[in-house]
């Protein structure tokens, strides 16, 4: 069972590895976009195969292992855990995912935002609550200077900030570790909104509280402090803001 699945998965992993290396070494943005499109298509097929395998092996160790190695949505993880047997759920890595799923319920759409404190670009302590509940909706942009998709999304985010500046504020929460890289990136991209970071990378307090495991990730909080949308990108944020304000 395990060997058969590994044999079917190996070609996908090879293709994805090659594409990743091609993307990383390419300096042509058009070529990178083509590679990303191909990568996403193959990755979606690979995830579908893994998901089906886990669903068919949701009470054994092999199924549990594949579950922990597969990039599934939050909803998919929650559904699979609900259907899984005790042997599956007893595995330590599965239990960590289950804890994250429970934490997500505390910061889901419809709940009140959870506050946190970090340094701003000048090294002063600021809290998310310094910006939330002040009359505007707040877009929280979880990002990092080293994240290429984050950087590519900034022109669209800047355009939305300009278009809806009377209705929204933006707070950039960086998952950087290098303070200079963070500060220089903000300056280079000319990002005019609020910024904060604890410079802990993926160990950031914000990542833990809001269960962020990929970036860019945009979250929208209303003027009463209620989370109204999560897992947004620049295009889906644009749709949400149009729905709310136009």
C-alpha atoms as a PDB file:
ATOM      1  CA  UNK A   1       0.000   0.000   0.000  1.00  0.00           C
ATOM      2  CA  UNK A   2       2.655   2.510   1.062  1.00  0.00           C
ATOM      3  CA  UNK A   3       5.072   1.519  -1.715  1.00  0.00           C
ATOM      4  CA  UNK A   4       2.396   1.833  -4.372  1.00  0.00           C
ATOM      5  CA  UNK A   5       1.487   5.329  -3.208  1.00  0.00           C
ATOM      6  CA  UNK A   6       5.144   6.402  -3.011  1.00  0.00           C
ATOM      7  CA  UNK A   7       5.690   5.158  -6.559  1.00  0.00           C
ATOM      8  CA  UNK A   8       2.776   7.227  -7.834  1.00  0.00           C
ATOM      9  CA  UNK A   9       3.860  10.293  -5.859  1.00  0.00           C
ATOM     10  CA  UNK A  10       7.530  10.276  -6.836  1.00  0.00           C
ATOM     11  CA  UNK A  11       7.100  11.661 -10.401  1.00  0.00           C
ATOM     12  CA  UNK A  12       5.073  14.579  -9.039  1.00  0.00           C
ATOM     13  CA  UNK A  13       7.741  15.384  -6.452  1.00  0.00           C
ATOM     14  CA  UNK A  14      10.431  15.253  -9.133  1.00  0.00           C
ATOM     15  CA  UNK A  15       8.526  17.599 -11.437  1.00  0.00           C
ATOM     16  CA  UNK A  16       7.781  20.042  -8.631  1.00  0.00           C
ATOM     17  CA  UNK A  17      11.415  20.061  -7.530  1.00  0.00           C
ATOM     18  CA  UNK A  18      12.624  20.793 -11.064  1.00  0.00           C
ATOM     19  CA  UNK A  19      10.075  23.582 -11.509  1.00  0.00           C
ATOM     20  CA  UNK A  20      11.001  25.129  -8.165  1.00  0.00           C
ATOM     21  CA  UNK A  21      14.677  25.219  -9.130  1.00  0.00           C
ATOM     22  CA  UNK A  22      13.804  26.716 -12.524  1.00  0.00           C
ATOM     23  CA  UNK A  23      11.707  29.415 -10.855  1.00  0.00           C
ATOM     24  CA  UNK A  24      14.408  30.179  -8.294  1.00  0.00           C
ATOM     25  CA  UNK A  25      17.147  30.612 -10.911  1.00  0.00           C
ATOM     26  CA  UNK A  26      15.076  32.505 -13.495  1.00  0.00           C
ATOM     27  CA  UNK A  27      15.322  36.281 -13.559  1.00  0.00           C
ATOM     28  CA  UNK A  28      12.600  36.728 -16.189  1.00  0.00           C
ATOM     29  CA  UNK A  29       9.244  37.629 -14.620  1.00  0.00           C
ATOM     30  CA  UNK A  30       7.237  36.308 -17.574  1.00  0.00           C
ATOM     31  CA  UNK A  31       9.073  32.986 -17.442  1.00  0.00           C
ATOM     32  CA  UNK A  32       8.554  32.833 -13.678  1.00  0.00           C
ATOM     33  CA  UNK A  33       4.808  33.380 -14.122  1.00  0.00           C
ATOM     34  CA  UNK A  34       4.640  30.508 -16.626  1.00  0.00           C
ATOM     35  CA  UNK A  35       6.582  28.253 -14.270  1.00  0.00           C
ATOM     36  CA  UNK A  36       4.274  29.183 -11.375  1.00  0.00           C
ATOM     37  CA  UNK A  37       1.199  28.320 -13.443  1.00  0.00           C
ATOM     38  CA  UNK A  38       2.649  24.912 -14.360  1.00  0.00           C
ATOM     39  CA  UNK A  39       3.750  24.306 -10.780  1.00  0.00           C
ATOM     40  CA  UNK A  40       0.302  25.128  -9.381  1.00  0.00           C
ATOM     41  CA  UNK A  41      -1.388  22.801 -11.871  1.00  0.00           C
ATOM     42  CA  UNK A  42       0.870  19.839 -11.044  1.00  0.00           C
ATOM     43  CA  UNK A  43       0.731  20.582  -7.329  1.00  0.00           C
ATOM     44  CA  UNK A  44      -3.084  20.593  -7.369  1.00  0.00           C
ATOM     45  CA  UNK A  45      -3.115  17.154  -9.015  1.00  0.00           C
ATOM     46  CA  UNK A  46      -0.528  15.874  -6.530  1.00  0.00           C
ATOM     47  CA  UNK A  47      -2.540  17.152  -3.562  1.00  0.00           C
ATOM     48  CA  UNK A  48      -5.710  15.535  -4.929  1.00  0.00           C
ATOM     49  CA  UNK A  49      -3.956  12.153  -5.120  1.00  0.00           C
ATOM     50  CA  UNK A  50      -2.649  12.513  -1.571  1.00  0.00           C
ATOM     51  CA  UNK A  51      -6.037  13.612  -0.292  1.00  0.00           C
ATOM     52  CA  UNK A  52      -7.728  10.582  -1.802  1.00  0.00           C
ATOM     53  CA  UNK A  53      -5.083   8.305  -0.283  1.00  0.00           C
ATOM     54  CA  UNK A  54      -5.581   9.812   3.183  1.00  0.00           C
ATOM     55  CA  UNK A  55      -9.357   9.443   2.926  1.00  0.00           C
ATOM     56  CA  UNK A  56      -8.882   5.752   2.130  1.00  0.00           C
ATOM     57  CA  UNK A  57      -6.322   5.258   4.921  1.00  0.00           C
ATOM     58  CA  UNK A  58      -7.683   7.393   7.738  1.00  0.00           C
ATOM     59  CA  UNK A  59      -6.946   4.967  10.538  1.00  0.00           C
ATOM     60  CA  UNK A  60      -3.410   3.787   9.899  1.00  0.00           C
ATOM     61  CA  UNK A  61       0.111   5.162  10.260  1.00  0.00           C
ATOM     62  CA  UNK A  62       0.790   5.554   6.534  1.00  0.00           C
ATOM     63  CA  UNK A  63      -2.357   7.604   6.032  1.00  0.00           C
ATOM     64  CA  UNK A  64      -1.427   9.752   9.024  1.00  0.00           C
ATOM     65  CA  UNK A  65       2.051  10.377   7.608  1.00  0.00           C
ATOM     66  CA  UNK A  66       0.758  11.394   4.187  1.00  0.00           C
ATOM     67  CA  UNK A  67      -1.794  13.660   5.887  1.00  0.00           C
ATOM     68  CA  UNK A  68       0.963  15.548   7.723  1.00  0.00           C
ATOM     69  CA  UNK A  69       2.973  15.956   4.505  1.00  0.00           C
ATOM     70  CA  UNK A  70       0.142  17.210   2.284  1.00  0.00           C
ATOM     71  CA  UNK A  71      -0.739  20.866   1.751  1.00  0.00           C
ATOM     72  CA  UNK A  72      -4.450  20.791   2.582  1.00  0.00           C
ATOM     73  CA  UNK A  73      -6.830  23.651   3.239  1.00  0.00           C
ATOM     74  CA  UNK A  74      -7.937  24.340   6.790  1.00  0.00           C
ATOM     75  CA  UNK A  75     -11.411  23.059   5.984  1.00  0.00           C
ATOM     76  CA  UNK A  76     -10.008  19.859   4.431  1.00  0.00           C
ATOM     77  CA  UNK A  77      -7.856  19.198   7.494  1.00  0.00           C
ATOM     78  CA  UNK A  78     -10.790  19.718   9.852  1.00  0.00           C
ATOM     79  CA  UNK A  79     -13.026  17.385   7.819  1.00  0.00           C
ATOM     80  CA  UNK A  80     -10.393  14.644   7.621  1.00  0.00           C
ATOM     81  CA  UNK A  81      -9.666  14.815  11.335  1.00  0.00           C
ATOM     82  CA  UNK A  82     -13.354  14.492  12.086  1.00  0.00           C
ATOM     83  CA  UNK A  83     -13.541  11.321  10.012  1.00  0.00           C
ATOM     84  CA  UNK A  84     -10.218   9.813  11.131  1.00  0.00           C
ATOM     85  CA  UNK A  85      -9.834   6.901  13.497  1.00  0.00           C
ATOM     86  CA  UNK A  86      -7.995   6.780  16.828  1.00  0.00           C
ATOM     87  CA  UNK A  87      -4.760   5.286  15.446  1.00  0.00           C
ATOM     88  CA  UNK A  88      -4.538   8.105  12.901  1.00  0.00           C
ATOM     89  CA  UNK A  89      -5.307  10.864  15.414  1.00  0.00           C
ATOM     90  CA  UNK A  90      -2.879   9.499  18.026  1.00  0.00           C
ATOM     91  CA  UNK A  91       0.184  10.390  15.934  1.00  0.00           C
ATOM     92  CA  UNK A  92       2.114  13.385  17.376  1.00  0.00           C
ATOM     93  CA  UNK A  93       2.286  15.361  14.118  1.00  0.00           C
ATOM     94  CA  UNK A  94      -1.423  14.798  13.517  1.00  0.00           C
ATOM     95  CA  UNK A  95      -2.137  16.036  17.042  1.00  0.00           C
ATOM     96  CA  UNK A  96      -0.230  19.264  16.276  1.00  0.00           C
ATOM     97  CA  UNK A  97      -2.422  19.821  13.227  1.00  0.00           C
ATOM     98  CA  UNK A  98      -5.505  19.099  15.332  1.00  0.00           C
ATOM     99  CA  UNK A  99      -4.389  21.742  17.843  1.00  0.00           C
ATOM    100  CA  UNK A 100      -4.001  24.248  15.011  1.00  0.00           C
ATOM    101  CA  UNK A 101      -7.488  23.426  13.726  1.00  0.00           C
ATOM    102  CA  UNK A 102      -8.872  24.138  17.196  1.00  0.00           C
ATOM    103  CA  UNK A 103      -6.938  27.422  17.402  1.00  0.00           C
ATOM    104  CA  UNK A 104      -8.367  28.441  14.038  1.00  0.00           C
ATOM    105  CA  UNK A 105     -11.853  28.348  15.507  1.00  0.00           C
ATOM    106  CA  UNK A 106     -10.824  31.164  17.878  1.00  0.00           C
ATOM    107  CA  UNK A 107      -9.745  33.432  15.008  1.00  0.00           C
ATOM    108  CA  UNK A 108     -12.283  32.400  12.395  1.00  0.00           C
ATOM    109  CA  UNK A 109     -14.474  34.754  10.398  1.00  0.00           C
ATOM    110  CA  UNK A 110     -17.101  36.188  12.741  1.00  0.00           C
ATOM    111  CA  UNK A 111     -14.895  36.205  15.844  1.00  0.00           C
ATOM    112  CA  UNK A 112     -13.314  39.215  17.528  1.00  0.00           C
ATOM    113  CA  UNK A 113      -9.687  39.856  16.561  1.00  0.00           C
ATOM    114  CA  UNK A 114      -6.956  38.807  18.980  1.00  0.00           C
ATOM    115  CA  UNK A 115      -4.496  41.516  19.902  1.00  0.00           C
ATOM    116  CA  UNK A 116      -0.695  41.274  19.834  1.00  0.00           C
ATOM    117  CA  UNK A 117       2.258  43.629  20.334  1.00  0.00           C
ATOM    118  CA  UNK A 118       5.394  44.077  18.223  1.00  0.00           C
ATOM    119  CA  UNK A 119       7.931  46.716  17.186  1.00  0.00           C
ATOM    120  CA  UNK A 120       7.268  49.136  14.358  1.00  0.00           C
ATOM    121  CA  UNK A 121       9.904  50.248  11.848  1.00  0.00           C
ATOM    122  CA  UNK A 122      11.288  52.761  14.354  1.00  0.00           C
ATOM    123  CA  UNK A 123      11.625  50.169  17.116  1.00  0.00           C
ATOM    124  CA  UNK A 124       8.654  51.442  19.108  1.00  0.00           C
ATOM    125  CA  UNK A 125       6.149  49.012  20.599  1.00  0.00           C
ATOM    126  CA  UNK A 126       2.756  49.027  18.885  1.00  0.00           C
ATOM    127  CA  UNK A 127      -0.320  46.840  19.179  1.00  0.00           C
ATOM    128  CA  UNK A 128      -2.769  45.722  16.533  1.00  0.00           C
ATOM    129  CA  UNK A 129      -5.450  47.370  18.686  1.00  0.00           C
ATOM    130  CA  UNK A 130      -3.738  50.725  18.053  1.00  0.00           C
ATOM    131  CA  UNK A 131      -5.256  50.558  14.564  1.00  0.00           C
ATOM    132  CA  UNK A 132      -8.350  48.363  14.884  1.00  0.00           C
ATOM    133  CA  UNK A 133     -11.624  49.917  16.030  1.00  0.00           C
ATOM    134  CA  UNK A 134     -10.622  53.460  15.111  1.00  0.00           C
ATOM    135  CA  UNK A 135     -13.401  53.992  12.561  1.00  0.00           C
ATOM    136  CA  UNK A 136     -11.969  52.171   9.554  1.00  0.00           C
ATOM    137  CA  UNK A 137     -11.787  48.582   8.380  1.00  0.00           C
ATOM    138  CA  UNK A 138      -8.261  47.212   8.799  1.00  0.00           C
ATOM    139  CA  UNK A 139      -6.478  44.980   6.314  1.00  0.00           C
ATOM    140  CA  UNK A 140      -3.785  42.928   8.051  1.00  0.00           C
ATOM    141  CA  UNK A 141      -1.146  41.921   5.525  1.00  0.00           C
ATOM    142  CA  UNK A 142       0.954  38.954   6.703  1.00  0.00           C
ATOM    143  CA  UNK A 143       4.050  39.039   4.501  1.00  0.00           C
ATOM    144  CA  UNK A 144       7.872  39.071   4.409  1.00  0.00           C
ATOM    145  CA  UNK A 145      10.570  40.783   2.388  1.00  0.00           C
ATOM    146  CA  UNK A 146      11.904  37.399   1.198  1.00  0.00           C
ATOM    147  CA  UNK A 147       8.480  36.328  -0.105  1.00  0.00           C
ATOM    148  CA  UNK A 148       8.400  36.893  -3.883  1.00  0.00           C
ATOM    149  CA  UNK A 149       4.594  36.528  -4.224  1.00  0.00           C
ATOM    150  CA  UNK A 150       4.190  39.051  -1.391  1.00  0.00           C
ATOM    151  CA  UNK A 151       6.360  41.583  -3.175  1.00  0.00           C
ATOM    152  CA  UNK A 152       4.567  41.059  -6.487  1.00  0.00           C
ATOM    153  CA  UNK A 153       1.209  41.705  -4.819  1.00  0.00           C
ATOM    154  CA  UNK A 154       2.226  45.082  -3.382  1.00  0.00           C
ATOM    155  CA  UNK A 155       1.377  47.288  -6.409  1.00  0.00           C
ATOM    156  CA  UNK A 156      -2.198  45.946  -6.388  1.00  0.00           C
ATOM    157  CA  UNK A 157      -2.420  46.403  -2.621  1.00  0.00           C
ATOM    158  CA  UNK A 158      -1.132  49.971  -2.911  1.00  0.00           C
ATOM    159  CA  UNK A 159      -3.775  50.700  -5.552  1.00  0.00           C
ATOM    160  CA  UNK A 160      -6.519  49.406  -3.246  1.00  0.00           C
ATOM    161  CA  UNK A 161      -5.131  51.457  -0.367  1.00  0.00           C
ATOM    162  CA  UNK A 162      -5.320  54.582  -2.501  1.00  0.00           C
ATOM    163  CA  UNK A 163      -8.778  53.755  -3.839  1.00  0.00           C
ATOM    164  CA  UNK A 164     -10.314  52.992  -0.436  1.00  0.00           C
ATOM    165  CA  UNK A 165      -8.176  55.192   1.812  1.00  0.00           C
ATOM    166  CA  UNK A 166     -11.254  56.719   3.445  1.00  0.00           C
ATOM    167  CA  UNK A 167     -12.627  53.300   4.414  1.00  0.00           C
ATOM    168  CA  UNK A 168      -9.588  51.140   5.178  1.00  0.00           C
ATOM    169  CA  UNK A 169      -6.251  51.146   6.944  1.00  0.00           C
ATOM    170  CA  UNK A 170      -3.515  48.571   6.355  1.00  0.00           C
ATOM    171  CA  UNK A 171      -1.155  46.997   8.873  1.00  0.00           C
ATOM    172  CA  UNK A 172       1.759  45.013   7.480  1.00  0.00           C
ATOM    173  CA  UNK A 173       2.866  42.201   9.793  1.00  0.00           C
ATOM    174  CA  UNK A 174       6.238  40.945   8.620  1.00  0.00           C
ATOM    175  CA  UNK A 175       7.572  37.426   9.128  1.00  0.00           C
ATOM    176  CA  UNK A 176      11.115  38.634   8.546  1.00  0.00           C
ATOM    177  CA  UNK A 177      14.076  37.819  10.790  1.00  0.00           C
ATOM    178  CA  UNK A 178      16.423  40.425   9.344  1.00  0.00           C
ATOM    179  CA  UNK A 179      15.461  43.922  10.467  1.00  0.00           C
ATOM    180  CA  UNK A 180      17.489  45.655   7.766  1.00  0.00           C
ATOM    181  CA  UNK A 181      15.974  43.540   4.990  1.00  0.00           C
ATOM    182  CA  UNK A 182      12.497  44.323   6.309  1.00  0.00           C
ATOM    183  CA  UNK A 183      13.123  48.068   6.585  1.00  0.00           C
ATOM    184  CA  UNK A 184      14.819  48.310   3.189  1.00  0.00           C
ATOM    185  CA  UNK A 185      12.037  46.377   1.484  1.00  0.00           C
ATOM    186  CA  UNK A 186       9.368  48.690   2.924  1.00  0.00           C
ATOM    187  CA  UNK A 187      11.365  51.685   1.714  1.00  0.00           C
ATOM    188  CA  UNK A 188      12.106  50.236  -1.726  1.00  0.00           C
ATOM    189  CA  UNK A 189       8.490  49.251  -2.379  1.00  0.00           C
ATOM    190  CA  UNK A 190       7.281  52.529  -0.844  1.00  0.00           C
ATOM    191  CA  UNK A 191       4.624  50.926   1.355  1.00  0.00           C
ATOM    192  CA  UNK A 192       2.824  53.843   3.038  1.00  0.00           C
ATOM    193  CA  UNK A 193       0.887  52.005   5.746  1.00  0.00           C
ATOM    194  CA  UNK A 194       1.648  50.813   9.288  1.00  0.00           C
ATOM    195  CA  UNK A 195       4.250  48.098   9.813  1.00  0.00           C
ATOM    196  CA  UNK A 196       5.135  45.796  12.688  1.00  0.00           C
ATOM    197  CA  UNK A 197       7.245  42.692  13.299  1.00  0.00           C
ATOM    198  CA  UNK A 198       8.799  40.673  16.092  1.00  0.00           C
ATOM    199  CA  UNK A 199      11.519  39.466  13.656  1.00  0.00           C
ATOM    200  CA  UNK A 200      10.916  35.820  14.517  1.00  0.00           C
ATOM    201  CA  UNK A 201      10.093  34.518  11.038  1.00  0.00           C
ATOM    202  CA  UNK A 202       7.609  31.672  11.086  1.00  0.00           C
ATOM    203  CA  UNK A 203       7.866  31.633  14.886  1.00  0.00           C
ATOM    204  CA  UNK A 204       6.156  35.023  14.970  1.00  0.00           C
ATOM    205  CA  UNK A 205       3.491  35.453  17.625  1.00  0.00           C
ATOM    206  CA  UNK A 206       1.072  36.587  14.910  1.00  0.00           C
ATOM    207  CA  UNK A 207       1.637  33.390  12.914  1.00  0.00           C
ATOM    208  CA  UNK A 208       0.826  31.341  16.009  1.00  0.00           C
ATOM    209  CA  UNK A 209      -2.261  33.319  17.016  1.00  0.00           C
ATOM    210  CA  UNK A 210      -3.781  33.462  13.551  1.00  0.00           C
ATOM    211  CA  UNK A 211      -2.504  30.073  12.338  1.00  0.00           C
ATOM    212  CA  UNK A 212      -0.711  31.509   9.318  1.00  0.00           C
ATOM    213  CA  UNK A 213       1.276  28.853   7.462  1.00  0.00           C
ATOM    214  CA  UNK A 214       1.615  30.526   4.058  1.00  0.00           C
ATOM    215  CA  UNK A 215       2.042  34.073   2.811  1.00  0.00           C
ATOM    216  CA  UNK A 216       0.878  36.405   1.423  1.00  0.00           C
ATOM    217  CA  UNK A 217      -2.221  36.195   3.608  1.00  0.00           C
ATOM    218  CA  UNK A 218      -4.623  39.118   3.951  1.00  0.00           C
ATOM    219  CA  UNK A 219      -7.163  39.373   6.765  1.00  0.00           C
ATOM    220  CA  UNK A 220      -9.944  41.968   6.941  1.00  0.00           C
ATOM    221  CA  UNK A 221     -11.243  43.289  10.274  1.00  0.00           C
ATOM    222  CA  UNK A 222     -14.270  45.590  10.469  1.00  0.00           C
ATOM    223  CA  UNK A 223     -14.504  48.815  12.470  1.00  0.00           C
ATOM    224  CA  UNK A 224     -15.907  46.897  15.453  1.00  0.00           C
ATOM    225  CA  UNK A 225     -12.981  44.485  15.604  1.00  0.00           C
ATOM    226  CA  UNK A 226     -14.750  41.522  14.000  1.00  0.00           C
ATOM    227  CA  UNK A 227     -12.850  39.385  11.491  1.00  0.00           C
ATOM    228  CA  UNK A 228     -14.909  39.518   8.288  1.00  0.00           C
ATOM    229  CA  UNK A 229     -12.547  37.701   5.900  1.00  0.00           C
ATOM    230  CA  UNK A 230      -9.361  35.633   5.919  1.00  0.00           C
ATOM    231  CA  UNK A 231      -7.085  33.937   3.400  1.00  0.00           C
ATOM    232  CA  UNK A 232      -7.498  36.786   0.954  1.00  0.00           C
ATOM    233  CA  UNK A 233      -5.147  37.719  -1.880  1.00  0.00           C
ATOM    234  CA  UNK A 234      -5.044  41.080  -3.615  1.00  0.00           C
ATOM    235  CA  UNK A 235      -7.709  40.078  -6.164  1.00  0.00           C
ATOM    236  CA  UNK A 236     -10.119  38.596  -3.618  1.00  0.00           C
ATOM    237  CA  UNK A 237      -9.532  41.559  -1.312  1.00  0.00           C
ATOM    238  CA  UNK A 238     -10.491  43.841  -4.194  1.00  0.00           C
ATOM    239  CA  UNK A 239     -13.726  41.896  -4.646  1.00  0.00           C
ATOM    240  CA  UNK A 240     -14.505  42.104  -0.923  1.00  0.00           C
ATOM    241  CA  UNK A 241     -13.848  45.844  -0.720  1.00  0.00           C
ATOM    242  CA  UNK A 242     -15.978  46.449  -3.825  1.00  0.00           C
ATOM    243  CA  UNK A 243     -18.785  44.458  -2.182  1.00  0.00           C
ATOM    244  CA  UNK A 244     -18.513  46.480   1.027  1.00  0.00           C
ATOM    245  CA  UNK A 245     -17.903  50.007  -0.181  1.00  0.00           C
ATOM    246  CA  UNK A 246     -18.951  50.479  -3.824  1.00  0.00           C
END
